[in-house]
Amino acid sequence: MSVQRIDGGAEWRLGTGRRSLGETEDKYMDIDRRMVLGGLAAGALATQASAAGTSAGSPTGRMRTFMLMRAALDEGLISSWMSANYYGVVEDRMEPLFDVVAAVFARYRRMPDGSYEGVSGELAWFVDKDTGKALDTYRNPYTGQVVDVPMGGLTPSKIYFMPDLSMRLARSVPGMEFTHEVLGPDMRGDAVWMTERSRSSFTLPGQAKPMRYSESNIFKAKRSAIDAKGATRVTSDVSFTNVVSWRPWLKMGDHPGHLTATGAGQHTSSLAMFPPAWIETTRARRPDVLKDPASLLAPLWDAR
């Protein structure tokens, strides 16, 4: 487990002309997600076993297993999705609020100095929990106020993984506390599970209390796929949980409580498996991404 102070950065808006999911607080939370979900496993490439079929439970095999379940050994496009239910939590009561459907597209490559460069981008939509339709406004059940819902996602960004597995972002971002750890593998029969979890906190301008974001992801894949000779990627089913401070766009003020979300997804998935709500909204609002997901990453991926 490591506790780090992150200094890095990224461009935030997808340039759609709509409000971006990357409001001020989301910049930090989604930087967290990019590092944890978009590519920390790529750093494992620096110490991966070179021989295919290395046992998932051996020291080098653990790194290779995590990388296969979370990224890929090749430079091809990785498509992943997640669908989650958001709740408000006040004392011991959970109140269903809204859902989120998201997709992350990423690619990784090894650099001449032995480090690894990753490029990833996310396209996410908050949707009505009953209809699955994208939300532009939302009536906050705690306050009765109608608030604007940020939509869109994150402009693709680069992150660098050094030979010692340290992380470096392309641009500077105000400091934040960040803890990341990987557990497992837990192997039963032909199933392998690995858990990745993170905790972060950061201070936003004008707010006395720090924002906090914690996340846990449990990946499950087939051991036979991981150990297969020549494997460069495997499909993993993902169970997702987070705990996060009230997002400022909800305008909760000093109201006690926080948000939590639970969901499921799939890493290294086909578009045919993506949530229908994501497909529908993306077809209407970002058809270019639906037609050619790799184009989202091309400006950064092709720049050398």
Protein backbone atom coordinates (compact mmCIF):
# COMPACT_ATOMS: atom_id res chain seq x y z
CA MET A 1 0.00 0.00 0.00
CA SER A 2 1.30 3.44 -0.86
CA VAL A 3 0.31 6.93 0.21
CA GLN A 4 1.31 9.54 -2.33
CA ARG A 5 0.91 13.22 -2.98
CA ILE A 6 0.02 13.55 -6.62
CA ASP A 7 1.18 16.44 -8.78
CA GLY A 8 -0.02 16.09 -12.34
CA GLY A 9 -2.82 17.22 -14.59
CA ALA A 10 -4.93 16.95 -17.66
CA GLU A 11 -7.34 18.70 -19.96
CA TRP A 12 -10.85 18.07 -18.75
CA ARG A 13 -13.59 18.71 -21.28
CA LEU A 14 -14.64 16.60 -24.22
CA GLY A 15 -15.37 19.73 -26.22
CA THR A 16 -19.00 18.82 -26.88
CA GLY A 17 -20.42 22.23 -26.07
CA ARG A 18 -22.29 20.60 -23.16
CA ARG A 19 -21.51 20.76 -19.48
CA SER A 20 -18.67 18.41 -18.69
CA LEU A 21 -18.68 15.75 -16.03
CA GLY A 22 -15.38 17.31 -15.07
CA GLU A 23 -16.67 20.04 -12.75
CA THR A 24 -14.00 21.20 -10.31
CA GLU A 25 -14.49 18.41 -7.80
CA ASP A 26 -14.71 15.80 -10.56
CA LYS A 27 -11.27 16.76 -11.84
CA TYR A 28 -9.73 15.26 -8.75
CA MET A 29 -12.03 12.27 -8.44
CA ASP A 30 -11.63 11.35 -12.07
CA ILE A 31 -7.85 11.81 -11.95
CA ASP A 32 -8.09 9.25 -9.16
CA ARG A 33 -10.16 6.96 -11.38
CA ARG A 34 -7.81 7.35 -14.30
CA MET A 35 -4.85 6.35 -12.22
CA VAL A 36 -6.66 3.46 -10.58
CA LEU A 37 -8.98 2.28 -13.34
CA GLY A 38 -7.32 3.70 -16.38
CA GLY A 39 -3.85 2.37 -16.00
CA LEU A 40 -2.02 1.56 -12.78
CA ALA A 41 -1.90 -2.02 -13.95
CA ALA A 42 0.11 -0.90 -16.93
CA GLY A 43 2.92 -0.15 -14.53
CA ALA A 44 3.07 -3.84 -13.78
CA LEU A 45 4.48 -4.29 -17.29
CA ALA A 46 7.82 -3.13 -15.94
CA THR A 47 8.13 -6.31 -13.89
CA GLN A 48 5.91 -8.72 -15.77
CA ALA A 49 6.95 -12.28 -16.55
CA SER A 50 8.14 -12.54 -20.10
CA ALA A 51 7.06 -16.14 -20.48
CA ALA A 52 3.42 -16.75 -21.32
CA GLY A 53 1.51 -18.98 -18.94
CA THR A 54 3.34 -17.88 -15.77
CA SER A 55 1.34 -19.11 -12.77
CA ALA A 56 -1.08 -16.48 -11.50
CA GLY A 57 0.04 -17.08 -7.93
CA SER A 58 3.81 -16.65 -8.36
CA PRO A 59 5.47 -13.30 -7.51
CA THR A 60 6.01 -12.29 -11.16
CA GLY A 61 2.79 -13.98 -12.19
CA ARG A 62 0.85 -11.76 -9.78
CA MET A 63 1.98 -8.69 -11.69
CA ARG A 64 1.23 -10.32 -15.03
CA THR A 65 -2.19 -11.45 -13.78
CA PHE A 66 -3.14 -7.98 -12.60
CA MET A 67 -1.97 -6.43 -15.86
CA LEU A 68 -3.92 -8.92 -17.96
CA MET A 69 -7.07 -8.41 -15.89
CA ARG A 70 -6.73 -4.62 -15.80
CA ALA A 71 -4.89 -3.60 -18.99
CA ALA A 72 -3.22 -5.56 -21.82
CA LEU A 73 0.15 -6.76 -23.03
CA ASP A 74 -0.49 -5.36 -26.51
CA GLU A 75 -1.01 -1.76 -27.64
CA GLY A 76 -4.54 -2.26 -28.96
CA LEU A 77 -7.61 -0.39 -27.79
CA ILE A 78 -9.14 -1.49 -24.48
CA SER A 79 -12.89 -0.91 -24.11
CA SER A 80 -14.47 -1.16 -20.66
CA TRP A 81 -17.86 -0.26 -19.21
CA MET A 82 -19.50 0.27 -15.85
CA SER A 83 -23.11 0.70 -14.70
CA ALA A 84 -23.77 1.82 -11.13
CA ASN A 85 -26.53 2.99 -8.80
CA TYR A 86 -25.88 6.11 -6.71
CA TYR A 87 -27.30 6.53 -3.19
CA GLY A 88 -27.36 9.32 -0.67
CA VAL A 89 -26.37 8.17 2.81
CA VAL A 90 -27.53 10.11 5.88
CA GLU A 91 -26.85 8.38 9.19
CA ASP A 92 -27.89 4.77 8.50
CA ARG A 93 -30.36 5.40 5.66
CA MET A 94 -29.54 4.88 1.97
CA GLU A 95 -31.68 6.84 -0.50
CA PRO A 96 -31.58 5.79 -4.19
CA LEU A 97 -30.81 8.91 -6.23
CA PHE A 98 -29.69 8.32 -9.84
CA ASP A 99 -27.58 5.96 -11.92
CA VAL A 100 -24.41 6.39 -13.95
CA VAL A 101 -23.27 4.56 -17.07
CA ALA A 102 -19.68 4.99 -18.15
CA ALA A 103 -17.16 3.76 -20.68
CA VAL A 104 -13.37 3.98 -20.51
CA PHE A 105 -11.19 3.56 -23.59
CA ALA A 106 -7.44 3.16 -23.13
CA ARG A 107 -4.17 2.13 -24.78
CA TYR A 108 -0.71 1.48 -23.33
CA ARG A 109 2.80 1.28 -24.76
CA ARG A 110 6.34 0.80 -23.51
CA MET A 111 8.75 3.71 -23.77
CA PRO A 112 12.48 3.49 -24.66
CA ASP A 113 13.55 4.24 -21.08
CA GLY A 114 11.52 1.31 -19.76
CA SER A 115 8.62 3.42 -18.51
CA TYR A 116 5.09 3.03 -19.80
CA GLU A 117 2.80 5.61 -21.27
CA GLY A 118 -0.94 5.23 -21.01
CA VAL A 119 -3.68 7.20 -22.75
CA SER A 120 -7.25 6.88 -21.51
CA GLY A 121 -10.54 8.73 -21.79
CA GLU A 122 -13.92 8.33 -20.16
CA LEU A 123 -17.41 9.07 -21.46
CA ALA A 124 -20.06 8.95 -18.72
CA TRP A 125 -23.71 9.90 -18.33
CA PHE A 126 -25.86 10.35 -15.23
CA VAL A 127 -29.22 8.75 -15.97
CA ASP A 128 -32.65 8.52 -14.34
CA LYS A 129 -32.77 5.48 -12.06
CA ASP A 130 -36.20 4.44 -13.34
CA THR A 131 -36.15 5.28 -17.05
CA GLY A 132 -32.44 5.09 -17.88
CA LYS A 133 -32.74 8.40 -19.74
CA ALA A 134 -29.88 10.89 -19.49
CA LEU A 135 -30.43 13.65 -16.94
CA ASP A 136 -29.95 17.31 -17.80
CA THR A 137 -31.51 18.50 -14.53
CA TYR A 138 -32.27 16.70 -11.30
CA ARG A 139 -34.58 17.44 -8.36
CA ASN A 140 -32.52 16.91 -5.23
CA PRO A 141 -34.79 14.95 -2.84
CA TYR A 142 -32.99 16.33 0.20
CA THR A 143 -33.42 20.00 -0.67
CA GLY A 144 -36.21 20.02 -3.26
CA GLN A 145 -33.99 22.18 -5.48
CA VAL A 146 -33.66 21.46 -9.20
CA VAL A 147 -29.97 21.39 -10.10
CA ASP A 148 -28.09 21.16 -13.38
CA VAL A 149 -26.50 17.78 -13.99
CA PRO A 150 -23.00 17.78 -15.51
CA MET A 151 -22.72 15.54 -18.53
CA GLY A 152 -20.04 14.30 -20.84
CA GLY A 153 -16.79 12.92 -19.56
CA LEU A 154 -13.07 13.51 -19.61
CA THR A 155 -10.74 14.54 -22.36
CA PRO A 156 -8.14 11.78 -22.85
CA SER A 157 -5.00 12.30 -20.85
CA LYS A 158 -1.56 10.76 -20.52
CA ILE A 159 0.00 9.17 -17.49
CA TYR A 160 3.52 7.80 -17.22
CA PHE A 161 4.61 4.76 -15.24
CA MET A 162 8.29 4.67 -14.35
CA PRO A 163 10.42 1.51 -14.05
CA ASP A 164 10.02 1.66 -10.24
CA LEU A 165 6.22 1.76 -10.80
CA SER A 166 5.93 5.37 -9.64
CA MET A 167 3.40 7.52 -11.48
CA ARG A 168 3.81 10.82 -13.32
CA LEU A 169 0.98 12.83 -14.86
CA ALA A 170 1.54 15.05 -17.84
CA ARG A 171 0.53 18.32 -16.16
CA SER A 172 0.51 19.78 -12.69
CA VAL A 173 -2.60 19.52 -10.50
CA PRO A 174 -2.95 20.84 -6.94
CA GLY A 175 -1.80 18.24 -4.42
CA MET A 176 -4.02 15.50 -3.11
CA GLU A 177 -3.61 12.57 -0.75
CA PHE A 178 -3.86 9.26 -2.60
CA THR A 179 -3.62 5.68 -1.34
CA HIS A 180 -3.70 2.68 -3.65
CA GLU A 181 -3.35 -1.05 -3.09
CA VAL A 182 -3.94 -4.34 -4.86
CA LEU A 183 -5.01 -7.55 -3.11
CA GLY A 184 -4.88 -11.10 -4.40
CA PRO A 185 -4.97 -13.07 -6.53
CA ASP A 186 -7.56 -15.31 -4.90
CA MET A 187 -7.81 -18.47 -7.00
CA ARG A 188 -10.59 -21.08 -6.80
CA GLY A 189 -10.83 -23.65 -9.56
CA ASP A 190 -10.77 -21.81 -12.88
CA ALA A 191 -11.65 -18.44 -11.29
CA VAL A 192 -9.25 -15.67 -10.29
CA TRP A 193 -10.20 -12.58 -8.29
CA MET A 194 -8.10 -9.48 -7.66
CA THR A 195 -9.14 -6.42 -5.66
CA GLU A 196 -7.96 -2.90 -6.40
CA ARG A 197 -8.86 -0.12 -4.00
CA SER A 198 -7.98 3.52 -3.50
CA ARG A 199 -8.68 6.39 -1.15
CA SER A 200 -8.11 10.06 -1.84
CA SER A 201 -8.80 13.47 -0.33
CA PHE A 202 -8.33 16.98 -1.67
CA THR A 203 -9.37 20.52 -0.87
CA LEU A 204 -11.55 22.49 -3.27
CA PRO A 205 -11.47 26.29 -3.53
CA GLY A 206 -14.01 27.89 -1.22
CA GLN A 207 -14.69 24.73 0.81
CA ALA A 208 -13.52 24.27 4.38
CA LYS A 209 -13.78 20.47 4.41
CA PRO A 210 -11.79 18.26 2.04
CA MET A 211 -13.51 16.21 -0.61
CA ARG A 212 -13.01 12.48 -0.20
CA TYR A 213 -13.30 9.71 -2.75
CA SER A 214 -12.77 6.00 -2.03
CA GLU A 215 -13.24 3.17 -4.48
CA SER A 216 -12.99 -0.62 -4.58
CA ASN A 217 -13.02 -2.80 -7.68
CA ILE A 218 -13.03 -6.59 -7.64
CA PHE A 219 -11.97 -8.19 -10.93
CA LYS A 220 -12.86 -11.76 -11.84
CA ALA A 221 -11.41 -13.66 -14.81
CA LYS A 222 -10.75 -17.24 -15.90
CA ARG A 223 -7.44 -18.67 -14.78
CA SER A 224 -7.27 -20.75 -17.94
CA ALA A 225 -7.44 -17.53 -19.99
CA ILE A 226 -4.73 -15.88 -17.89
CA ASP A 227 -2.41 -18.89 -18.15
CA ALA A 228 -3.03 -19.43 -21.87
CA LYS A 229 0.14 -19.36 -23.97
CA GLY A 230 0.46 -16.09 -25.86
CA ALA A 231 -2.30 -14.31 -23.91
CA THR A 232 -2.07 -10.53 -24.23
CA ARG A 233 -5.43 -9.58 -22.63
CA VAL A 234 -8.37 -11.23 -20.89
CA THR A 235 -11.94 -10.20 -20.17
CA SER A 236 -12.65 -9.44 -16.51
CA ASP A 237 -16.00 -8.98 -14.80
CA VAL A 238 -15.86 -6.11 -12.31
CA SER A 239 -17.75 -5.38 -9.09
CA PHE A 240 -17.59 -1.69 -8.17
CA THR A 241 -18.18 0.24 -4.92
CA ASN A 242 -17.36 3.83 -4.01
CA VAL A 243 -17.89 6.27 -1.15
CA VAL A 244 -17.67 9.98 -1.99
CA SER A 245 -18.45 13.34 -0.44
CA TRP A 246 -21.54 15.16 -1.72
CA ARG A 247 -20.76 16.40 -5.22
CA PRO A 248 -20.99 20.21 -5.18
CA TRP A 249 -23.39 20.27 -8.15
CA LEU A 250 -26.00 18.71 -5.82
CA LYS A 251 -25.76 21.93 -3.75
CA MET A 252 -26.04 20.11 -0.43
CA GLY A 253 -24.25 22.79 1.57
CA ASP A 254 -23.64 21.60 5.14
CA HIS A 255 -26.21 18.81 4.93
CA PRO A 256 -24.77 15.76 6.73
CA GLY A 257 -24.05 12.60 4.79
CA HIS A 258 -22.32 11.46 1.63
CA LEU A 259 -22.77 9.50 -1.59
CA THR A 260 -22.07 5.86 -2.32
CA ALA A 261 -22.40 3.83 -5.48
CA THR A 262 -22.46 0.12 -6.24
CA GLY A 263 -22.30 -1.39 -9.68
CA ALA A 264 -20.85 -3.84 -12.11
CA GLY A 265 -18.90 -3.72 -15.32
CA GLN A 266 -16.60 -5.51 -17.67
CA HIS A 267 -12.99 -4.78 -18.56
CA THR A 268 -11.81 -5.58 -22.10
CA SER A 269 -15.35 -5.83 -23.37
CA SER A 270 -17.08 -5.57 -26.73
CA LEU A 271 -19.39 -2.63 -27.45
CA ALA A 272 -22.20 -5.16 -27.83
CA MET A 273 -22.01 -5.71 -24.06
CA PHE A 274 -22.21 -2.03 -23.12
CA PRO A 275 -25.24 -0.74 -21.12
CA PRO A 276 -28.14 0.16 -23.44
CA ALA A 277 -28.48 3.53 -21.68
CA TRP A 278 -24.88 4.37 -22.53
CA ILE A 279 -25.32 3.28 -26.15
CA GLU A 280 -28.54 5.29 -26.54
CA THR A 281 -27.18 8.47 -24.99
CA THR A 282 -23.86 8.27 -26.77
CA ARG A 283 -25.58 7.67 -30.11
CA ALA A 284 -27.57 10.88 -29.56
CA ARG A 285 -24.83 13.06 -28.08
CA ARG A 286 -21.47 11.65 -29.15
CA PRO A 287 -22.04 9.43 -32.22
CA ASP A 288 -18.40 9.91 -33.23
CA VAL A 289 -17.26 7.96 -30.16
CA LEU A 290 -19.77 5.19 -30.79
CA LYS A 291 -18.64 4.90 -34.40
CA ASP A 292 -14.90 4.95 -33.71
CA PRO A 293 -13.89 4.80 -30.01
CA ALA A 294 -10.19 4.80 -30.89
CA SER A 295 -10.60 8.27 -32.41
CA LEU A 296 -11.17 9.62 -28.88
CA LEU A 297 -7.57 8.73 -27.99
CA ALA A 298 -5.93 9.36 -31.36
CA PRO A 299 -4.80 13.00 -30.81
CA LEU A 300 -2.74 12.01 -27.77
CA TRP A 301 -1.88 8.46 -28.77
CA ASP A 302 -0.53 9.51 -32.17
CA ALA A 303 1.46 12.45 -30.77
CA ARG A 304 5.04 11.33 -30.15
